[in-house]
Amino acid sequence: MSALGQWVSGARLRTLPAAIAPVLVGTGAAASAGSARPLYALLALLVALGMQIGVNYANDYSDGIRGTDDDRVGPMRLVGSGTVSPARVKAAAFTSLGFAALAGTTVVALSGHWWLLAAGAAAVLAAWFYTGGRKPYGYRGLGEVAVFVFFGLMAVLGTTYIQADTINLAAVLGAVAIGLFASALLMANNLRDAPDDAQAGKKTLAVRLGPRAARLVFVGWLAAPYAAAAVIAALIEPWAALAWGSLPFAWRAVAPVVTGRTGRDLIPVLRDTGLAELSYAVLLGLGLLPW
């Protein structure tokens, strides 16, 4: 596989599940409220994809010019490896985030909820300053918090709200679940890179917590969504229990973490966490549909 192919493969592990999952769950919650709108869901998906791709490019650019990726365990980076110039990667980041902003503005105009533009602007700024700027919050252990808020709560609840003009309990619990999956995905990434990050001065949550506590947190974050699905099934829609069908992927992701694997041996954890998130979202979204 070429260097660029490796980068695309690694980015896909993070991008597709994190972009698709909140839209599926948010649309399922909107359908349970009696108002799913396919066009709005498609635009929400375009926003999520643009944001995720933009974050990947922005992170690659900012870490690359800082030298954080000079000695990297995980999939290669464009700037850090010298495959693509920093200027081109930065331009790709701005283009992707601009695309997300355009799709977001379109759906806001169609739905009439103009105040959501402020939320969108906050998401774009969060995407850039995760590793960009003079004091990136990702270097202070706040990355998982931002991921939970923007790719969990905001993405799911926003998808539901633009379609149903309301937010219900299914959307809230689903947003928490997807946010925890997204945070677990980032934690897996940071667990793998923790030794190099610590040496480079990047104090991610995994670095701050230490290996043992970070692994326990990862397991807890992967377990909690299944408790949320059980609550939704008990209180709202029994078919939400379908989400438990994704448990084998979650178990496969947990196994290397609890057995103390490190470095490259943790790379499959990203794949399996992403598969757990995506399959959970598909099954929960289906379960929330009014059959």
C-alpha atoms as a PDB file:
ATOM      1  CA  MET A   1       0.000   0.000   0.000  1.00  0.00           C
ATOM      2  CA  SER A   2       1.305   3.480  -0.872  1.00  0.00           C
ATOM      3  CA  ALA A   3       1.974   6.067   1.827  1.00  0.00           C
ATOM      4  CA  LEU A   4      -1.080   8.046   0.774  1.00  0.00           C
ATOM      5  CA  GLY A   5      -3.134   4.858   0.764  1.00  0.00           C
ATOM      6  CA  GLN A   6      -2.040   4.161   4.349  1.00  0.00           C
ATOM      7  CA  TRP A   7      -3.125   7.648   5.382  1.00  0.00           C
ATOM      8  CA  VAL A   8      -6.538   7.241   3.722  1.00  0.00           C
ATOM      9  CA  SER A   9      -7.011   3.841   5.357  1.00  0.00           C
ATOM     10  CA  GLY A  10      -6.116   5.204   8.801  1.00  0.00           C
ATOM     11  CA  ALA A  11      -8.341   8.263   8.391  1.00  0.00           C
ATOM     12  CA  ARG A  12     -11.246   6.055   7.318  1.00  0.00           C
ATOM     13  CA  LEU A  13     -11.095   4.205  10.656  1.00  0.00           C
ATOM     14  CA  ARG A  14     -11.925   7.472  12.411  1.00  0.00           C
ATOM     15  CA  THR A  15     -13.998   9.347   9.860  1.00  0.00           C
ATOM     16  CA  LEU A  16     -16.772   7.087   8.609  1.00  0.00           C
ATOM     17  CA  PRO A  17     -18.146   5.711  11.903  1.00  0.00           C
ATOM     18  CA  ALA A  18     -17.905   9.067  13.668  1.00  0.00           C
ATOM     19  CA  ALA A  19     -19.684  10.848  10.796  1.00  0.00           C
ATOM     20  CA  ILE A  20     -22.390   8.306   9.962  1.00  0.00           C
ATOM     21  CA  ALA A  21     -23.309   7.092  13.456  1.00  0.00           C
ATOM     22  CA  PRO A  22     -24.753  10.334  14.905  1.00  0.00           C
ATOM     23  CA  VAL A  23     -26.863  10.941  11.800  1.00  0.00           C
ATOM     24  CA  LEU A  24     -28.334   7.425  11.951  1.00  0.00           C
ATOM     25  CA  VAL A  25     -29.210   7.698  15.630  1.00  0.00           C
ATOM     26  CA  GLY A  26     -30.461  11.273  15.343  1.00  0.00           C
ATOM     27  CA  THR A  27     -32.670  10.359  12.389  1.00  0.00           C
ATOM     28  CA  GLY A  28     -33.990   7.310  14.201  1.00  0.00           C
ATOM     29  CA  ALA A  29     -34.913   9.506  17.161  1.00  0.00           C
ATOM     30  CA  ALA A  30     -36.600  11.983  14.802  1.00  0.00           C
ATOM     31  CA  ALA A  31     -38.548   9.115  13.235  1.00  0.00           C
ATOM     32  CA  SER A  32     -39.666   7.969  16.683  1.00  0.00           C
ATOM     33  CA  ALA A  33     -41.013  11.511  17.159  1.00  0.00           C
ATOM     34  CA  GLY A  34     -42.895  11.150  13.880  1.00  0.00           C
ATOM     35  CA  SER A  35     -40.814  13.479  11.697  1.00  0.00           C
ATOM     36  CA  ALA A  36     -37.867  12.007   9.793  1.00  0.00           C
ATOM     37  CA  ARG A  37     -36.784  14.139   6.803  1.00  0.00           C
ATOM     38  CA  PRO A  38     -34.376  12.354   4.428  1.00  0.00           C
ATOM     39  CA  LEU A  39     -33.059  15.546   2.789  1.00  0.00           C
ATOM     40  CA  TYR A  40     -32.203  17.087   6.152  1.00  0.00           C
ATOM     41  CA  ALA A  41     -30.575  13.830   7.260  1.00  0.00           C
ATOM     42  CA  LEU A  42     -28.446  13.797   4.088  1.00  0.00           C
ATOM     43  CA  LEU A  43     -27.322  17.381   4.682  1.00  0.00           C
ATOM     44  CA  ALA A  44     -26.505  16.528   8.298  1.00  0.00           C
ATOM     45  CA  LEU A  45     -24.390  13.643   7.019  1.00  0.00           C
ATOM     46  CA  LEU A  46     -22.522  15.979   4.658  1.00  0.00           C
ATOM     47  CA  VAL A  47     -21.842  18.320   7.585  1.00  0.00           C
ATOM     48  CA  ALA A  48     -20.535  15.442   9.687  1.00  0.00           C
ATOM     49  CA  LEU A  49     -18.320  14.102   6.895  1.00  0.00           C
ATOM     50  CA  GLY A  50     -16.907  17.552   6.142  1.00  0.00           C
ATOM     51  CA  MET A  51     -16.179  18.139   9.813  1.00  0.00           C
ATOM     52  CA  GLN A  52     -14.527  14.762  10.323  1.00  0.00           C
ATOM     53  CA  ILE A  53     -12.361  15.041   7.216  1.00  0.00           C
ATOM     54  CA  GLY A  54     -11.486  18.612   8.137  1.00  0.00           C
ATOM     55  CA  VAL A  55     -10.444  17.580  11.651  1.00  0.00           C
ATOM     56  CA  ASN A  56      -8.230  14.835  10.255  1.00  0.00           C
ATOM     57  CA  TYR A  57      -6.453  17.249   7.899  1.00  0.00           C
ATOM     58  CA  ALA A  58      -6.198  19.979  10.546  1.00  0.00           C
ATOM     59  CA  ASN A  59      -4.759  17.546  13.075  1.00  0.00           C
ATOM     60  CA  ASP A  60      -2.302  16.204  10.508  1.00  0.00           C
ATOM     61  CA  TYR A  61      -1.183  19.739   9.634  1.00  0.00           C
ATOM     62  CA  SER A  62      -0.842  21.092  13.162  1.00  0.00           C
ATOM     63  CA  ASP A  63       0.864  18.028  14.644  1.00  0.00           C
ATOM     64  CA  GLY A  64       3.112  17.826  11.591  1.00  0.00           C
ATOM     65  CA  ILE A  65       4.464  21.366  11.779  1.00  0.00           C
ATOM     66  CA  ARG A  66       5.023  20.968  15.541  1.00  0.00           C
ATOM     67  CA  GLY A  67       7.035  17.800  15.012  1.00  0.00           C
ATOM     68  CA  THR A  68       4.678  15.705  17.128  1.00  0.00           C
ATOM     69  CA  ASP A  69       4.443  13.083  14.343  1.00  0.00           C
ATOM     70  CA  ASP A  70       8.193  12.779  13.713  1.00  0.00           C
ATOM     71  CA  ASP A  71       8.314   9.394  15.496  1.00  0.00           C
ATOM     72  CA  ARG A  72       4.868   7.890  15.097  1.00  0.00           C
ATOM     73  CA  VAL A  73       3.590   4.386  15.951  1.00  0.00           C
ATOM     74  CA  GLY A  74       0.222   4.564  14.198  1.00  0.00           C
ATOM     75  CA  PRO A  75      -0.722   5.085  10.549  1.00  0.00           C
ATOM     76  CA  MET A  76       1.450   7.595   8.733  1.00  0.00           C
ATOM     77  CA  ARG A  77       0.675  11.304   8.568  1.00  0.00           C
ATOM     78  CA  LEU A  78       0.908  13.439   5.452  1.00  0.00           C
ATOM     79  CA  VAL A  79       2.914  16.349   6.865  1.00  0.00           C
ATOM     80  CA  GLY A  80       4.932  14.353   9.375  1.00  0.00           C
ATOM     81  CA  SER A  81       6.068  11.883   6.715  1.00  0.00           C
ATOM     82  CA  GLY A  82       6.808  14.604   4.162  1.00  0.00           C
ATOM     83  CA  THR A  83       4.361  13.019   1.687  1.00  0.00           C
ATOM     84  CA  VAL A  84       2.364  16.247   1.196  1.00  0.00           C
ATOM     85  CA  SER A  85       3.377  19.834   1.884  1.00  0.00           C
ATOM     86  CA  PRO A  86       1.955  21.548   4.977  1.00  0.00           C
ATOM     87  CA  ALA A  87       0.344  24.245   2.820  1.00  0.00           C
ATOM     88  CA  ARG A  88      -1.646  21.690   0.817  1.00  0.00           C
ATOM     89  CA  VAL A  89      -2.810  19.841   3.925  1.00  0.00           C
ATOM     90  CA  LYS A  90      -3.857  23.129   5.546  1.00  0.00           C
ATOM     91  CA  ALA A  91      -5.774  24.061   2.400  1.00  0.00           C
ATOM     92  CA  ALA A  92      -7.479  20.650   2.434  1.00  0.00           C
ATOM     93  CA  ALA A  93      -8.507  21.223   6.059  1.00  0.00           C
ATOM     94  CA  PHE A  94     -10.023  24.626   5.297  1.00  0.00           C
ATOM     95  CA  THR A  95     -11.761  23.266   2.198  1.00  0.00           C
ATOM     96  CA  SER A  96     -13.333  20.401   4.124  1.00  0.00           C
ATOM     97  CA  LEU A  97     -14.443  22.620   6.998  1.00  0.00           C
ATOM     98  CA  GLY A  98     -15.788  25.134   4.483  1.00  0.00           C
ATOM     99  CA  PHE A  99     -17.792  22.377   2.799  1.00  0.00           C
ATOM    100  CA  ALA A 100     -19.233  21.401   6.190  1.00  0.00           C
ATOM    101  CA  ALA A 101     -20.137  25.037   6.848  1.00  0.00           C
ATOM    102  CA  LEU A 102     -21.885  25.314   3.475  1.00  0.00           C
ATOM    103  CA  ALA A 103     -23.928  22.139   4.045  1.00  0.00           C
ATOM    104  CA  GLY A 104     -24.745  23.297   7.557  1.00  0.00           C
ATOM    105  CA  THR A 105     -25.876  26.715   6.394  1.00  0.00           C
ATOM    106  CA  THR A 106     -28.103  25.055   3.795  1.00  0.00           C
ATOM    107  CA  VAL A 107     -29.879  22.814   6.278  1.00  0.00           C
ATOM    108  CA  VAL A 108     -30.226  25.700   8.741  1.00  0.00           C
ATOM    109  CA  ALA A 109     -31.843  27.836   6.040  1.00  0.00           C
ATOM    110  CA  LEU A 110     -34.233  25.025   5.100  1.00  0.00           C
ATOM    111  CA  SER A 111     -35.183  24.248   8.684  1.00  0.00           C
ATOM    112  CA  GLY A 112     -35.365  27.875   9.808  1.00  0.00           C
ATOM    113  CA  HIS A 113     -33.339  27.268  12.982  1.00  0.00           C
ATOM    114  CA  TRP A 114     -30.847  30.062  12.420  1.00  0.00           C
ATOM    115  CA  TRP A 115     -29.438  29.946  15.936  1.00  0.00           C
ATOM    116  CA  LEU A 116     -27.767  26.665  14.974  1.00  0.00           C
ATOM    117  CA  LEU A 117     -25.252  28.695  12.959  1.00  0.00           C
ATOM    118  CA  ALA A 118     -23.613  29.639  16.263  1.00  0.00           C
ATOM    119  CA  ALA A 119     -23.311  25.972  17.191  1.00  0.00           C
ATOM    120  CA  GLY A 120     -21.803  25.245  13.787  1.00  0.00           C
ATOM    121  CA  ALA A 121     -19.271  28.037  14.142  1.00  0.00           C
ATOM    122  CA  ALA A 122     -18.250  26.670  17.545  1.00  0.00           C
ATOM    123  CA  ALA A 123     -17.763  23.225  15.994  1.00  0.00           C
ATOM    124  CA  VAL A 124     -15.504  24.606  13.241  1.00  0.00           C
ATOM    125  CA  LEU A 125     -13.388  26.501  15.764  1.00  0.00           C
ATOM    126  CA  ALA A 126     -13.151  23.390  17.941  1.00  0.00           C
ATOM    127  CA  ALA A 127     -12.015  21.378  14.928  1.00  0.00           C
ATOM    128  CA  TRP A 128      -9.147  23.752  14.209  1.00  0.00           C
ATOM    129  CA  PHE A 129      -7.982  24.470  17.755  1.00  0.00           C
ATOM    130  CA  TYR A 130      -7.940  20.800  18.779  1.00  0.00           C
ATOM    131  CA  THR A 131      -4.285  20.726  17.769  1.00  0.00           C
ATOM    132  CA  GLY A 132      -4.000  24.169  16.125  1.00  0.00           C
ATOM    133  CA  GLY A 133      -3.171  27.564  17.546  1.00  0.00           C
ATOM    134  CA  ARG A 134      -0.727  28.468  20.301  1.00  0.00           C
ATOM    135  CA  LYS A 135      -2.477  26.496  23.054  1.00  0.00           C
ATOM    136  CA  PRO A 136      -4.295  23.533  21.472  1.00  0.00           C
ATOM    137  CA  TYR A 137      -6.754  21.983  23.889  1.00  0.00           C
ATOM    138  CA  GLY A 138      -5.970  18.491  22.567  1.00  0.00           C
ATOM    139  CA  TYR A 139      -2.521  18.874  24.139  1.00  0.00           C
ATOM    140  CA  ARG A 140      -4.141  19.478  27.533  1.00  0.00           C
ATOM    141  CA  GLY A 141      -6.268  16.349  27.754  1.00  0.00           C
ATOM    142  CA  LEU A 142      -9.525  17.914  26.577  1.00  0.00           C
ATOM    143  CA  GLY A 143      -9.869  16.150  23.239  1.00  0.00           C
ATOM    144  CA  GLU A 144     -12.313  13.525  24.478  1.00  0.00           C
ATOM    145  CA  VAL A 145     -14.509  16.217  26.034  1.00  0.00           C
ATOM    146  CA  ALA A 146     -14.744  18.059  22.713  1.00  0.00           C
ATOM    147  CA  VAL A 147     -15.414  14.848  20.794  1.00  0.00           C
ATOM    148  CA  PHE A 148     -18.202  13.918  23.207  1.00  0.00           C
ATOM    149  CA  VAL A 149     -19.814  17.346  22.857  1.00  0.00           C
ATOM    150  CA  PHE A 150     -19.452  17.953  19.127  1.00  0.00           C
ATOM    151  CA  PHE A 151     -19.534  14.462  17.603  1.00  0.00           C
ATOM    152  CA  GLY A 152     -21.916  13.062  20.170  1.00  0.00           C
ATOM    153  CA  LEU A 153     -24.319  15.503  21.789  1.00  0.00           C
ATOM    154  CA  MET A 154     -24.361  18.221  19.135  1.00  0.00           C
ATOM    155  CA  ALA A 155     -24.314  15.879  16.137  1.00  0.00           C
ATOM    156  CA  VAL A 156     -27.111  13.573  17.315  1.00  0.00           C
ATOM    157  CA  LEU A 157     -29.322  16.196  18.944  1.00  0.00           C
ATOM    158  CA  GLY A 158     -28.823  18.586  16.036  1.00  0.00           C
ATOM    159  CA  THR A 159     -29.795  15.888  13.539  1.00  0.00           C
ATOM    160  CA  THR A 160     -32.960  15.156  15.500  1.00  0.00           C
ATOM    161  CA  TYR A 161     -33.844  18.791  16.045  1.00  0.00           C
ATOM    162  CA  ILE A 162     -33.586  19.928  12.425  1.00  0.00           C
ATOM    163  CA  GLN A 163     -35.938  17.124  11.407  1.00  0.00           C
ATOM    164  CA  ALA A 164     -38.435  16.967  14.265  1.00  0.00           C
ATOM    165  CA  ASP A 165     -38.211  20.531  15.685  1.00  0.00           C
ATOM    166  CA  THR A 166     -37.868  18.927  19.093  1.00  0.00           C
ATOM    167  CA  ILE A 167     -35.560  16.711  21.139  1.00  0.00           C
ATOM    168  CA  ASN A 168     -36.801  13.577  22.862  1.00  0.00           C
ATOM    169  CA  LEU A 169     -35.359  11.176  25.438  1.00  0.00           C
ATOM    170  CA  ALA A 170     -34.289   8.715  22.741  1.00  0.00           C
ATOM    171  CA  ALA A 171     -32.193  11.446  21.126  1.00  0.00           C
ATOM    172  CA  VAL A 172     -30.581  12.432  24.436  1.00  0.00           C
ATOM    173  CA  LEU A 173     -29.657   8.881  25.419  1.00  0.00           C
ATOM    174  CA  GLY A 174     -28.547   8.114  21.876  1.00  0.00           C
ATOM    175  CA  ALA A 175     -26.390  11.261  21.839  1.00  0.00           C
ATOM    176  CA  VAL A 176     -24.682  10.244  25.076  1.00  0.00           C
ATOM    177  CA  ALA A 177     -24.059   6.762  23.688  1.00  0.00           C
ATOM    178  CA  ILE A 178     -22.582   7.978  20.400  1.00  0.00           C
ATOM    179  CA  GLY A 179     -20.523  10.600  22.216  1.00  0.00           C
ATOM    180  CA  LEU A 180     -19.009   7.899  24.424  1.00  0.00           C
ATOM    181  CA  PHE A 181     -18.203   5.735  21.412  1.00  0.00           C
ATOM    182  CA  ALA A 182     -16.487   8.689  19.741  1.00  0.00           C
ATOM    183  CA  SER A 183     -14.556   9.451  22.934  1.00  0.00           C
ATOM    184  CA  ALA A 184     -13.536   5.790  23.230  1.00  0.00           C
ATOM    185  CA  LEU A 185     -12.259   5.882  19.648  1.00  0.00           C
ATOM    186  CA  LEU A 186     -10.066   8.874  20.459  1.00  0.00           C
ATOM    187  CA  MET A 187      -8.921   7.260  23.712  1.00  0.00           C
ATOM    188  CA  ALA A 188      -7.853   4.136  21.791  1.00  0.00           C
ATOM    189  CA  ASN A 189      -5.876   6.338  19.420  1.00  0.00           C
ATOM    190  CA  ASN A 190      -4.243   8.190  22.301  1.00  0.00           C
ATOM    191  CA  LEU A 191      -3.494   4.995  24.233  1.00  0.00           C
ATOM    192  CA  ARG A 192      -1.551   3.744  21.238  1.00  0.00           C
ATOM    193  CA  ASP A 193       0.382   7.003  20.912  1.00  0.00           C
ATOM    194  CA  ALA A 194       0.778   7.766  24.646  1.00  0.00           C
ATOM    195  CA  PRO A 195       4.554   7.160  24.948  1.00  0.00           C
ATOM    196  CA  ASP A 196       5.356   9.290  21.893  1.00  0.00           C
ATOM    197  CA  ASP A 197       2.837  11.966  22.888  1.00  0.00           C
ATOM    198  CA  ALA A 198       4.324  12.227  26.382  1.00  0.00           C
ATOM    199  CA  GLN A 199       7.787  12.650  24.912  1.00  0.00           C
ATOM    200  CA  ALA A 200       6.518  15.340  22.516  1.00  0.00           C
ATOM    201  CA  GLY A 201       4.738  17.247  25.298  1.00  0.00           C
ATOM    202  CA  LYS A 202       1.258  16.314  24.085  1.00  0.00           C
ATOM    203  CA  LYS A 203      -0.587  15.660  27.348  1.00  0.00           C
ATOM    204  CA  THR A 204      -3.648  13.796  26.095  1.00  0.00           C
ATOM    205  CA  LEU A 205      -6.097  12.313  28.574  1.00  0.00           C
ATOM    206  CA  ALA A 206      -4.398   8.931  28.134  1.00  0.00           C
ATOM    207  CA  VAL A 207      -1.058  10.509  29.100  1.00  0.00           C
ATOM    208  CA  ARG A 208      -2.557  12.348  32.064  1.00  0.00           C
ATOM    209  CA  LEU A 209      -4.420   9.313  33.421  1.00  0.00           C
ATOM    210  CA  GLY A 210      -1.666   6.793  32.876  1.00  0.00           C
ATOM    211  CA  PRO A 211      -2.017   3.397  31.170  1.00  0.00           C
ATOM    212  CA  ARG A 212      -4.084   1.547  33.784  1.00  0.00           C
ATOM    213  CA  ALA A 213      -6.689   4.269  34.412  1.00  0.00           C
ATOM    214  CA  ALA A 214      -6.937   5.126  30.703  1.00  0.00           C
ATOM    215  CA  ARG A 215      -7.703   1.482  29.873  1.00  0.00           C
ATOM    216  CA  LEU A 216     -10.405   1.323  32.544  1.00  0.00           C
ATOM    217  CA  VAL A 217     -11.966   4.516  31.210  1.00  0.00           C
ATOM    218  CA  PHE A 218     -11.951   3.096  27.676  1.00  0.00           C
ATOM    219  CA  VAL A 219     -13.791  -0.030  28.835  1.00  0.00           C
ATOM    220  CA  GLY A 220     -16.335   2.056  30.741  1.00  0.00           C
ATOM    221  CA  TRP A 221     -16.986   4.285  27.747  1.00  0.00           C
ATOM    222  CA  LEU A 222     -17.637   1.250  25.552  1.00  0.00           C
ATOM    223  CA  ALA A 223     -19.914  -0.389  28.112  1.00  0.00           C
ATOM    224  CA  ALA A 224     -22.116   2.636  28.851  1.00  0.00           C
ATOM    225  CA  PRO A 225     -23.831   2.827  25.412  1.00  0.00           C
ATOM    226  CA  TYR A 226     -25.274  -0.640  25.969  1.00  0.00           C
ATOM    227  CA  ALA A 227     -26.767   0.501  29.254  1.00  0.00           C
ATOM    228  CA  ALA A 228     -28.278   3.463  27.363  1.00  0.00           C
ATOM    229  CA  ALA A 229     -29.772   1.096  24.780  1.00  0.00           C
ATOM    230  CA  ALA A 230     -31.286  -0.972  27.582  1.00  0.00           C
ATOM    231  CA  VAL A 231     -32.914   2.135  29.066  1.00  0.00           C
ATOM    232  CA  ILE A 232     -34.303   3.175  25.677  1.00  0.00           C
ATOM    233  CA  ALA A 233     -35.653  -0.339  25.162  1.00  0.00           C
ATOM    234  CA  ALA A 234     -37.268  -0.375  28.600  1.00  0.00           C
ATOM    235  CA  LEU A 235     -38.781   3.112  28.546  1.00  0.00           C
ATOM    236  CA  ILE A 236     -39.337   4.062  24.901  1.00  0.00           C
ATOM    237  CA  GLU A 237     -39.029   1.394  22.228  1.00  0.00           C
ATOM    238  CA  PRO A 238     -38.312  -2.312  22.887  1.00  0.00           C
ATOM    239  CA  TRP A 239     -36.734  -2.720  19.451  1.00  0.00           C
ATOM    240  CA  ALA A 240     -33.885  -0.457  20.595  1.00  0.00           C
ATOM    241  CA  ALA A 241     -32.456  -3.603  22.167  1.00  0.00           C
ATOM    242  CA  LEU A 242     -31.272  -4.457  18.654  1.00  0.00           C
ATOM    243  CA  ALA A 243     -28.270  -2.236  19.430  1.00  0.00           C
ATOM    244  CA  TRP A 244     -26.919  -5.034  21.623  1.00  0.00           C
ATOM    245  CA  GLY A 245     -26.204  -6.899  18.407  1.00  0.00           C
ATOM    246  CA  SER A 246     -23.078  -4.756  18.036  1.00  0.00           C
ATOM    247  CA  LEU A 247     -21.617  -6.090  21.289  1.00  0.00           C
ATOM    248  CA  PRO A 248     -19.224  -8.594  19.612  1.00  0.00           C
ATOM    249  CA  PHE A 249     -17.369  -5.708  17.955  1.00  0.00           C
ATOM    250  CA  ALA A 250     -17.124  -3.881  21.286  1.00  0.00           C
ATOM    251  CA  TRP A 251     -15.819  -7.005  22.991  1.00  0.00           C
ATOM    252  CA  ARG A 252     -13.225  -7.472  20.263  1.00  0.00           C
ATOM    253  CA  ALA A 253     -12.104  -3.865  20.811  1.00  0.00           C
ATOM    254  CA  VAL A 254     -11.895  -4.273  24.585  1.00  0.00           C
ATOM    255  CA  ALA A 255      -9.861  -7.497  24.616  1.00  0.00           C
ATOM    256  CA  PRO A 256      -6.470  -6.051  23.536  1.00  0.00           C
ATOM    257  CA  VAL A 257      -6.919  -3.087  25.857  1.00  0.00           C
ATOM    258  CA  VAL A 258      -7.628  -5.108  29.015  1.00  0.00           C
ATOM    259  CA  THR A 259      -4.819  -7.539  28.227  1.00  0.00           C
ATOM    260  CA  GLY A 260      -2.290  -4.715  28.172  1.00  0.00           C
ATOM    261  CA  ARG A 261      -1.424  -4.534  24.478  1.00  0.00           C
ATOM    262  CA  THR A 262       0.597  -1.484  23.445  1.00  0.00           C
ATOM    263  CA  GLY A 263       1.791   0.382  20.345  1.00  0.00           C
ATOM    264  CA  ARG A 264       0.921  -1.136  17.004  1.00  0.00           C
ATOM    265  CA  ASP A 265      -0.985  -3.957  18.705  1.00  0.00           C
ATOM    266  CA  LEU A 266      -3.647  -1.374  19.557  1.00  0.00           C
ATOM    267  CA  ILE A 267      -4.254  -0.334  15.950  1.00  0.00           C
ATOM    268  CA  PRO A 268      -7.004  -2.990  15.466  1.00  0.00           C
ATOM    269  CA  VAL A 269      -8.781  -1.486  18.486  1.00  0.00           C
ATOM    270  CA  LEU A 270      -9.558   1.624  16.422  1.00  0.00           C
ATOM    271  CA  ARG A 271     -11.086  -0.512  13.681  1.00  0.00           C
ATOM    272  CA  ASP A 272     -13.190  -2.556  16.083  1.00  0.00           C
ATOM    273  CA  THR A 273     -14.308   0.464  18.115  1.00  0.00           C
ATOM    274  CA  GLY A 274     -15.384   2.149  14.887  1.00  0.00           C
ATOM    275  CA  LEU A 275     -17.255  -0.978  13.793  1.00  0.00           C
ATOM    276  CA  ALA A 276     -18.927  -1.191  17.205  1.00  0.00           C
ATOM    277  CA  GLU A 277     -20.044   2.443  16.959  1.00  0.00           C
ATOM    278  CA  LEU A 278     -21.312   2.129  13.398  1.00  0.00           C
ATOM    279  CA  SER A 279     -23.169  -1.162  13.906  1.00  0.00           C
ATOM    280  CA  TYR A 280     -24.640   0.139  17.181  1.00  0.00           C
ATOM    281  CA  ALA A 281     -25.925   3.232  15.370  1.00  0.00           C
ATOM    282  CA  VAL A 282     -27.395   1.197  12.497  1.00  0.00           C
ATOM    283  CA  LEU A 283     -29.199  -1.172  14.858  1.00  0.00           C
ATOM    284  CA  LEU A 284     -30.376   1.526  17.274  1.00  0.00           C
ATOM    285  CA  GLY A 285     -31.546   3.706  14.386  1.00  0.00           C
ATOM    286  CA  LEU A 286     -33.527   0.783  12.971  1.00  0.00           C
ATOM    287  CA  GLY A 287     -34.931  -0.026  16.376  1.00  0.00           C
ATOM    288  CA  LEU A 288     -36.223   3.514  16.811  1.00  0.00           C
ATOM    289  CA  LEU A 289     -38.139   3.513  13.535  1.00  0.00           C
ATOM    290  CA  PRO A 290     -41.949   3.345  13.949  1.00  0.00           C
ATOM    291  CA  TRP A 291     -42.661  -0.123  12.613  1.00  0.00           C
END
